[in-house]
Amino acid sequence: MKKNYILSVVFIVIALVGVNKANAQSYTNKSLVSLSSPRSLSFMKGYKMKHDDIRKNVIKVNLLSMFAATASLAYERVLTKGMTFNLGLTYTGASVSSGGDKVKYSGYGITPELRFYVGGDGGAKGFHVGPFARYRSITVSENVATVDQYGNPTTENAKEKWNQVGGGVVLGYQWLFGNRIAFDLFGGPAFYSNTFTAQGNANTAQFSGVKGGSGSFSFRTGIAFGVAF
């Protein structure tokens, strides 16, 4: 199932790149035809004005991540007409209660994403499809119940490393209000491969905060707000 999911994502990326190249070629051909017409001068002037208005960079934060005590920052760059590269960085410092114990999560994540915009003026706005990959490295610490060398009950701080690798596809829509303020809504399915490694004398079976198999389906979503320039 995991292999089929990855192959599906790769197929979508190849198809979208092909469509983007076809649109870019069509766009170029139309421009060349226009240049051979008597109105080429006015066309070039209008194109330059329109091209200069396109914001090629967007910096934004994911507002939803704040509810999970996570800082999420993304930078988006226009590559070609209708295609951008979006790089997301996250840092987590959350504490939650699980089974009566406090579990602390700390670590980082990186999410590269290739976006394809449908319609629009070639900038980073409008409806978009985005295949993405993700890597996260989280340290989980928890006070777990144990016994000392004399058999007396006690607690100790145990830690484990949680590494996550995967990817998926999101659909969304990004607005640029006043061609400056960015507002981005997106969401889509994802599949992740998880590994848990105990640190020190800890045992992964001790943890109540992080459990589960090596693979898991999830849903990536976001409401991002930022500035285009």
C-alpha atoms as a PDB file:
ATOM      1  CA  MET A   1       0.000   0.000   0.000  1.00  0.00           C
ATOM      2  CA  LYS A   2       2.825   2.366   0.904  1.00  0.00           C
ATOM      3  CA  LYS A   3       4.580   1.647  -2.431  1.00  0.00           C
ATOM      4  CA  ASN A   4       1.401   2.296  -4.424  1.00  0.00           C
ATOM      5  CA  TYR A   5       0.817   5.557  -2.543  1.00  0.00           C
ATOM      6  CA  ILE A   6       4.347   6.797  -3.318  1.00  0.00           C
ATOM      7  CA  LEU A   7       4.012   5.804  -6.992  1.00  0.00           C
ATOM      8  CA  SER A   8       0.709   7.696  -7.184  1.00  0.00           C
ATOM      9  CA  VAL A   9       2.343  10.864  -5.820  1.00  0.00           C
ATOM     10  CA  VAL A  10       5.238  10.540  -8.308  1.00  0.00           C
ATOM     11  CA  PHE A  11       2.767  10.072 -11.174  1.00  0.00           C
ATOM     12  CA  ILE A  12       0.855  13.204 -10.134  1.00  0.00           C
ATOM     13  CA  VAL A  13       4.080  15.251 -10.034  1.00  0.00           C
ATOM     14  CA  ILE A  14       5.108  14.051 -13.528  1.00  0.00           C
ATOM     15  CA  ALA A  15       1.656  14.799 -14.927  1.00  0.00           C
ATOM     16  CA  LEU A  16       1.535  18.274 -13.403  1.00  0.00           C
ATOM     17  CA  VAL A  17       5.032  19.122 -14.683  1.00  0.00           C
ATOM     18  CA  GLY A  18       3.955  18.034 -18.165  1.00  0.00           C
ATOM     19  CA  VAL A  19       0.853  20.199 -18.034  1.00  0.00           C
ATOM     20  CA  ASN A  20       2.880  23.151 -16.760  1.00  0.00           C
ATOM     21  CA  LYS A  21       5.393  22.795 -19.614  1.00  0.00           C
ATOM     22  CA  ALA A  22       2.587  22.624 -22.165  1.00  0.00           C
ATOM     23  CA  ASN A  23       0.982  25.769 -20.741  1.00  0.00           C
ATOM     24  CA  ALA A  24       4.319  27.567 -20.714  1.00  0.00           C
ATOM     25  CA  GLN A  25       4.961  26.611 -24.362  1.00  0.00           C
ATOM     26  CA  SER A  26       1.490  27.759 -25.368  1.00  0.00           C
ATOM     27  CA  TYR A  27       2.036  30.999 -23.490  1.00  0.00           C
ATOM     28  CA  THR A  28       5.366  31.511 -25.329  1.00  0.00           C
ATOM     29  CA  ASN A  29       3.858  30.776 -28.736  1.00  0.00           C
ATOM     30  CA  LYS A  30       1.068  33.268 -28.163  1.00  0.00           C
ATOM     31  CA  SER A  31       3.630  35.875 -27.158  1.00  0.00           C
ATOM     32  CA  LEU A  32       5.646  35.302 -30.358  1.00  0.00           C
ATOM     33  CA  VAL A  33       2.555  35.645 -32.517  1.00  0.00           C
ATOM     34  CA  SER A  34       1.659  38.860 -30.770  1.00  0.00           C
ATOM     35  CA  LEU A  35       5.182  40.208 -31.308  1.00  0.00           C
ATOM     36  CA  SER A  36       4.762  39.821 -35.077  1.00  0.00           C
ATOM     37  CA  SER A  37       1.593  41.919 -35.087  1.00  0.00           C
ATOM     38  CA  PRO A  38       1.423  45.711 -35.532  1.00  0.00           C
ATOM     39  CA  ARG A  39       0.383  45.996 -31.897  1.00  0.00           C
ATOM     40  CA  SER A  40       3.572  44.359 -30.612  1.00  0.00           C
ATOM     41  CA  LEU A  41       4.832  47.551 -28.973  1.00  0.00           C
ATOM     42  CA  SER A  42       1.677  48.030 -26.917  1.00  0.00           C
ATOM     43  CA  PHE A  43       1.638  44.317 -26.111  1.00  0.00           C
ATOM     44  CA  MET A  44       5.181  44.424 -24.785  1.00  0.00           C
ATOM     45  CA  LYS A  45       4.421  47.478 -22.702  1.00  0.00           C
ATOM     46  CA  GLY A  46       1.305  45.881 -21.227  1.00  0.00           C
ATOM     47  CA  TYR A  47       3.138  42.589 -20.625  1.00  0.00           C
ATOM     48  CA  LYS A  48       5.981  44.352 -18.826  1.00  0.00           C
ATOM     49  CA  MET A  49       3.560  46.198 -16.563  1.00  0.00           C
ATOM     50  CA  LYS A  50       1.722  42.962 -15.788  1.00  0.00           C
ATOM     51  CA  HIS A  51       4.959  41.019 -15.283  1.00  0.00           C
ATOM     52  CA  ASP A  52       6.334  43.666 -12.943  1.00  0.00           C
ATOM     53  CA  ASP A  53       3.190  43.357 -10.805  1.00  0.00           C
ATOM     54  CA  ILE A  54       3.756  39.640 -10.161  1.00  0.00           C
ATOM     55  CA  ARG A  55       5.060  38.997  -6.642  1.00  0.00           C
ATOM     56  CA  LYS A  56       7.706  36.286  -6.868  1.00  0.00           C
ATOM     57  CA  ASN A  57       8.249  35.748  -3.130  1.00  0.00           C
ATOM     58  CA  VAL A  58       5.866  35.019  -0.267  1.00  0.00           C
ATOM     59  CA  ILE A  59       6.687  34.583   3.428  1.00  0.00           C
ATOM     60  CA  LYS A  60       3.897  33.285   5.665  1.00  0.00           C
ATOM     61  CA  VAL A  61       3.058  31.573   8.952  1.00  0.00           C
ATOM     62  CA  ASN A  62       0.608  28.736   9.519  1.00  0.00           C
ATOM     63  CA  LEU A  63      -1.925  29.975  12.063  1.00  0.00           C
ATOM     64  CA  LEU A  64      -3.263  26.479  12.833  1.00  0.00           C
ATOM     65  CA  SER A  65       0.150  25.290  14.056  1.00  0.00           C
ATOM     66  CA  MET A  66      -0.014  27.758  16.930  1.00  0.00           C
ATOM     67  CA  PHE A  67      -2.770  25.675  18.528  1.00  0.00           C
ATOM     68  CA  ALA A  68      -0.291  22.774  18.726  1.00  0.00           C
ATOM     69  CA  ALA A  69       2.442  24.941  20.301  1.00  0.00           C
ATOM     70  CA  THR A  70       4.334  24.783  17.016  1.00  0.00           C
ATOM     71  CA  ALA A  71       5.972  27.627  15.108  1.00  0.00           C
ATOM     72  CA  SER A  72       5.521  27.177  11.356  1.00  0.00           C
ATOM     73  CA  LEU A  73       7.162  29.431   8.760  1.00  0.00           C
ATOM     74  CA  ALA A  74       7.043  29.010   4.970  1.00  0.00           C
ATOM     75  CA  TYR A  75       8.813  30.661   2.058  1.00  0.00           C
ATOM     76  CA  GLU A  76       7.351  30.411  -1.451  1.00  0.00           C
ATOM     77  CA  ARG A  77       9.205  31.324  -4.642  1.00  0.00           C
ATOM     78  CA  VAL A  78       7.780  31.574  -8.171  1.00  0.00           C
ATOM     79  CA  LEU A  79       9.839  29.345 -10.497  1.00  0.00           C
ATOM     80  CA  THR A  80       7.982  29.594 -13.806  1.00  0.00           C
ATOM     81  CA  LYS A  81       4.531  30.627 -14.965  1.00  0.00           C
ATOM     82  CA  GLY A  82       2.103  28.599 -12.846  1.00  0.00           C
ATOM     83  CA  MET A  83       4.729  26.768 -10.771  1.00  0.00           C
ATOM     84  CA  THR A  84       6.291  27.664  -7.399  1.00  0.00           C
ATOM     85  CA  PHE A  85       8.485  26.044  -4.749  1.00  0.00           C
ATOM     86  CA  ASN A  86       7.232  26.244  -1.169  1.00  0.00           C
ATOM     87  CA  LEU A  87       9.540  25.378   1.745  1.00  0.00           C
ATOM     88  CA  GLY A  88       8.046  24.996   5.212  1.00  0.00           C
ATOM     89  CA  LEU A  89       9.975  24.895   8.488  1.00  0.00           C
ATOM     90  CA  THR A  90       8.505  24.021  11.873  1.00  0.00           C
ATOM     91  CA  TYR A  91       9.665  23.938  15.484  1.00  0.00           C
ATOM     92  CA  THR A  92       7.669  22.152  18.174  1.00  0.00           C
ATOM     93  CA  GLY A  93       7.783  22.727  21.924  1.00  0.00           C
ATOM     94  CA  ALA A  94       4.500  21.233  23.104  1.00  0.00           C
ATOM     95  CA  SER A  95       3.541  19.679  26.429  1.00  0.00           C
ATOM     96  CA  VAL A  96       0.440  17.504  26.754  1.00  0.00           C
ATOM     97  CA  SER A  97      -1.065  15.240  29.390  1.00  0.00           C
ATOM     98  CA  SER A  98      -1.315  11.548  28.543  1.00  0.00           C
ATOM     99  CA  GLY A  99      -2.451   8.897  30.990  1.00  0.00           C
ATOM    100  CA  GLY A 100      -1.981  11.268  33.910  1.00  0.00           C
ATOM    101  CA  ASP A 101       1.611  12.031  32.907  1.00  0.00           C
ATOM    102  CA  LYS A 102       3.003  15.111  31.189  1.00  0.00           C
ATOM    103  CA  VAL A 103       4.592  14.381  27.819  1.00  0.00           C
ATOM    104  CA  LYS A 104       6.915  16.933  26.231  1.00  0.00           C
ATOM    105  CA  TYR A 105       7.605  17.163  22.501  1.00  0.00           C
ATOM    106  CA  SER A 106      10.500  19.183  21.080  1.00  0.00           C
ATOM    107  CA  GLY A 107      12.008  19.128  17.613  1.00  0.00           C
ATOM    108  CA  TYR A 108      11.863  20.409  14.069  1.00  0.00           C
ATOM    109  CA  GLY A 109      10.399  19.579  10.688  1.00  0.00           C
ATOM    110  CA  ILE A 110      10.972  20.477   7.034  1.00  0.00           C
ATOM    111  CA  THR A 111       8.368  20.310   4.247  1.00  0.00           C
ATOM    112  CA  PRO A 112       9.425  20.977   0.626  1.00  0.00           C
ATOM    113  CA  GLU A 113       6.483  21.372  -1.740  1.00  0.00           C
ATOM    114  CA  LEU A 114       6.132  21.925  -5.489  1.00  0.00           C
ATOM    115  CA  ARG A 115       3.010  23.946  -6.285  1.00  0.00           C
ATOM    116  CA  PHE A 116       1.122  24.143  -9.557  1.00  0.00           C
ATOM    117  CA  TYR A 117      -1.305  27.059  -9.940  1.00  0.00           C
ATOM    118  CA  VAL A 118      -4.282  26.712 -12.244  1.00  0.00           C
ATOM    119  CA  GLY A 119      -5.194  29.907 -14.103  1.00  0.00           C
ATOM    120  CA  GLY A 120      -4.184  33.241 -12.652  1.00  0.00           C
ATOM    121  CA  ASP A 121      -1.485  35.563 -13.978  1.00  0.00           C
ATOM    122  CA  GLY A 122       1.469  33.268 -13.390  1.00  0.00           C
ATOM    123  CA  GLY A 123       2.150  34.352  -9.823  1.00  0.00           C
ATOM    124  CA  ALA A 124       1.608  32.647  -6.477  1.00  0.00           C
ATOM    125  CA  LYS A 125      -2.153  33.111  -6.290  1.00  0.00           C
ATOM    126  CA  GLY A 126      -5.269  31.180  -7.158  1.00  0.00           C
ATOM    127  CA  PHE A 127      -6.123  27.487  -6.959  1.00  0.00           C
ATOM    128  CA  HIS A 128      -3.113  25.217  -6.489  1.00  0.00           C
ATOM    129  CA  VAL A 129      -2.121  21.533  -6.293  1.00  0.00           C
ATOM    130  CA  GLY A 130       0.955  20.738  -4.229  1.00  0.00           C
ATOM    131  CA  PRO A 131       2.807  17.410  -3.979  1.00  0.00           C
ATOM    132  CA  PHE A 132       5.039  17.560  -0.913  1.00  0.00           C
ATOM    133  CA  ALA A 133       7.538  15.619   1.174  1.00  0.00           C
ATOM    134  CA  ARG A 134       8.075  15.923   4.921  1.00  0.00           C
ATOM    135  CA  TYR A 135      10.712  15.038   7.480  1.00  0.00           C
ATOM    136  CA  ARG A 136      10.295  15.545  11.224  1.00  0.00           C
ATOM    137  CA  SER A 137      12.616  14.770  14.118  1.00  0.00           C
ATOM    138  CA  ILE A 138      10.982  14.974  17.543  1.00  0.00           C
ATOM    139  CA  THR A 139      12.350  14.182  20.992  1.00  0.00           C
ATOM    140  CA  VAL A 140       9.665  12.889  23.354  1.00  0.00           C
ATOM    141  CA  SER A 141      10.301  13.045  27.108  1.00  0.00           C
ATOM    142  CA  GLU A 142       8.051  11.677  29.831  1.00  0.00           C
ATOM    143  CA  ASN A 143       8.205  10.879  33.521  1.00  0.00           C
ATOM    144  CA  VAL A 144       7.509   7.151  33.625  1.00  0.00           C
ATOM    145  CA  ALA A 145       6.791   4.916  36.617  1.00  0.00           C
ATOM    146  CA  THR A 146       9.529   2.465  37.603  1.00  0.00           C
ATOM    147  CA  VAL A 147      11.154   0.949  40.672  1.00  0.00           C
ATOM    148  CA  ASP A 148      14.554   1.624  42.183  1.00  0.00           C
ATOM    149  CA  GLN A 149      17.211  -0.947  43.053  1.00  0.00           C
ATOM    150  CA  TYR A 150      15.424  -1.667  46.341  1.00  0.00           C
ATOM    151  CA  GLY A 151      12.068  -2.320  44.719  1.00  0.00           C
ATOM    152  CA  ASN A 152      10.519   0.978  45.770  1.00  0.00           C
ATOM    153  CA  PRO A 153       8.218   2.718  43.266  1.00  0.00           C
ATOM    154  CA  THR A 154       9.648   5.882  41.739  1.00  0.00           C
ATOM    155  CA  THR A 155       9.644   7.874  38.521  1.00  0.00           C
ATOM    156  CA  GLU A 156      12.344   8.724  36.029  1.00  0.00           C
ATOM    157  CA  ASN A 157      12.531  10.979  32.992  1.00  0.00           C
ATOM    158  CA  ALA A 158      12.707   8.820  29.885  1.00  0.00           C
ATOM    159  CA  LYS A 159      13.305  10.028  26.340  1.00  0.00           C
ATOM    160  CA  GLU A 160      12.792   8.634  22.883  1.00  0.00           C
ATOM    161  CA  LYS A 161      13.483   9.879  19.365  1.00  0.00           C
ATOM    162  CA  TRP A 162      10.567  10.018  16.921  1.00  0.00           C
ATOM    163  CA  ASN A 163      11.592  10.335  13.269  1.00  0.00           C
ATOM    164  CA  GLN A 164       8.946  10.734  10.590  1.00  0.00           C
ATOM    165  CA  VAL A 165       9.383  10.655   6.801  1.00  0.00           C
ATOM    166  CA  GLY A 166       6.619  10.838   4.218  1.00  0.00           C
ATOM    167  CA  GLY A 167       4.645  12.981   1.852  1.00  0.00           C
ATOM    168  CA  GLY A 168       1.341  13.569   0.113  1.00  0.00           C
ATOM    169  CA  VAL A 169      -0.664  16.026  -1.965  1.00  0.00           C
ATOM    170  CA  VAL A 170      -2.609  19.119  -0.897  1.00  0.00           C
ATOM    171  CA  LEU A 171      -5.203  21.232  -2.681  1.00  0.00           C
ATOM    172  CA  GLY A 172      -5.686  24.863  -1.807  1.00  0.00           C
ATOM    173  CA  TYR A 173      -6.316  28.450  -2.757  1.00  0.00           C
ATOM    174  CA  GLN A 174      -4.098  31.458  -2.104  1.00  0.00           C
ATOM    175  CA  TRP A 175      -5.265  35.063  -2.220  1.00  0.00           C
ATOM    176  CA  LEU A 176      -3.038  38.122  -2.579  1.00  0.00           C
ATOM    177  CA  PHE A 177      -5.021  41.078  -1.280  1.00  0.00           C
ATOM    178  CA  GLY A 178      -3.748  44.329  -2.710  1.00  0.00           C
ATOM    179  CA  ASN A 179      -1.102  42.189  -4.432  1.00  0.00           C
ATOM    180  CA  ARG A 180       0.730  42.193  -1.104  1.00  0.00           C
ATOM    181  CA  ILE A 181      -1.109  40.382   1.740  1.00  0.00           C
ATOM    182  CA  ALA A 182      -1.173  36.601   1.311  1.00  0.00           C
ATOM    183  CA  PHE A 183      -3.886  34.328   2.700  1.00  0.00           C
ATOM    184  CA  ASP A 184      -3.512  30.609   1.978  1.00  0.00           C
ATOM    185  CA  LEU A 185      -5.926  27.731   2.674  1.00  0.00           C
ATOM    186  CA  PHE A 186      -4.838  24.149   1.938  1.00  0.00           C
ATOM    187  CA  GLY A 187      -5.388  20.537   2.918  1.00  0.00           C
ATOM    188  CA  GLY A 188      -4.844  17.003   1.696  1.00  0.00           C
ATOM    189  CA  PRO A 189      -3.912  13.393   2.547  1.00  0.00           C
ATOM    190  CA  ALA A 190      -0.445  12.235   3.578  1.00  0.00           C
ATOM    191  CA  PHE A 191       1.345   9.017   4.447  1.00  0.00           C
ATOM    192  CA  TYR A 192       4.218   8.887   6.953  1.00  0.00           C
ATOM    193  CA  SER A 193       6.738   6.268   7.995  1.00  0.00           C
ATOM    194  CA  ASN A 194       7.570   6.481  11.719  1.00  0.00           C
ATOM    195  CA  THR A 195      10.507   5.138  13.715  1.00  0.00           C
ATOM    196  CA  PHE A 196      10.813   5.272  17.520  1.00  0.00           C
ATOM    197  CA  THR A 197      14.193   4.922  19.223  1.00  0.00           C
ATOM    198  CA  ALA A 198      14.555   4.895  23.000  1.00  0.00           C
ATOM    199  CA  GLN A 199      17.404   6.940  24.473  1.00  0.00           C
ATOM    200  CA  GLY A 200      19.459   6.012  27.514  1.00  0.00           C
ATOM    201  CA  ASN A 201      17.874   3.317  29.671  1.00  0.00           C
ATOM    202  CA  ALA A 202      14.372   4.020  28.407  1.00  0.00           C
ATOM    203  CA  ASN A 203      12.172   1.495  26.648  1.00  0.00           C
ATOM    204  CA  THR A 204       9.702   2.525  23.935  1.00  0.00           C
ATOM    205  CA  ALA A 205       7.040   0.408  25.636  1.00  0.00           C
ATOM    206  CA  GLN A 206       7.190   2.765  28.619  1.00  0.00           C
ATOM    207  CA  PHE A 207       5.844   5.732  26.715  1.00  0.00           C
ATOM    208  CA  SER A 208       2.177   6.633  26.764  1.00  0.00           C
ATOM    209  CA  GLY A 209       2.562   9.690  24.510  1.00  0.00           C
ATOM    210  CA  VAL A 210       3.825   8.083  21.294  1.00  0.00           C
ATOM    211  CA  LYS A 211       2.782   4.655  20.121  1.00  0.00           C
ATOM    212  CA  GLY A 212       1.762   3.074  16.859  1.00  0.00           C
ATOM    213  CA  GLY A 213       3.020   1.186  13.847  1.00  0.00           C
ATOM    214  CA  SER A 214       5.735   2.128  11.386  1.00  0.00           C
ATOM    215  CA  GLY A 215       3.286   3.618   8.872  1.00  0.00           C
ATOM    216  CA  SER A 216       0.332   5.951   9.287  1.00  0.00           C
ATOM    217  CA  PHE A 217      -2.076   7.945   7.151  1.00  0.00           C
ATOM    218  CA  SER A 218      -2.731  11.541   8.135  1.00  0.00           C
ATOM    219  CA  PHE A 219      -4.218  14.787   6.850  1.00  0.00           C
ATOM    220  CA  ARG A 220      -2.125  17.912   6.383  1.00  0.00           C
ATOM    221  CA  THR A 221      -3.979  21.207   6.586  1.00  0.00           C
ATOM    222  CA  GLY A 222      -3.195  24.850   7.105  1.00  0.00           C
ATOM    223  CA  ILE A 223      -4.412  28.439   7.253  1.00  0.00           C
ATOM    224  CA  ALA A 224      -1.452  30.656   6.436  1.00  0.00           C
ATOM    225  CA  PHE A 225      -1.070  34.416   6.529  1.00  0.00           C
ATOM    226  CA  GLY A 226       1.854  36.407   5.188  1.00  0.00           C
ATOM    227  CA  VAL A 227       3.399  39.016   2.897  1.00  0.00           C
ATOM    228  CA  ALA A 228       4.264  38.881  -0.813  1.00  0.00           C
ATOM    229  CA  PHE A 229       7.116  40.886  -2.300  1.00  0.00           C
END
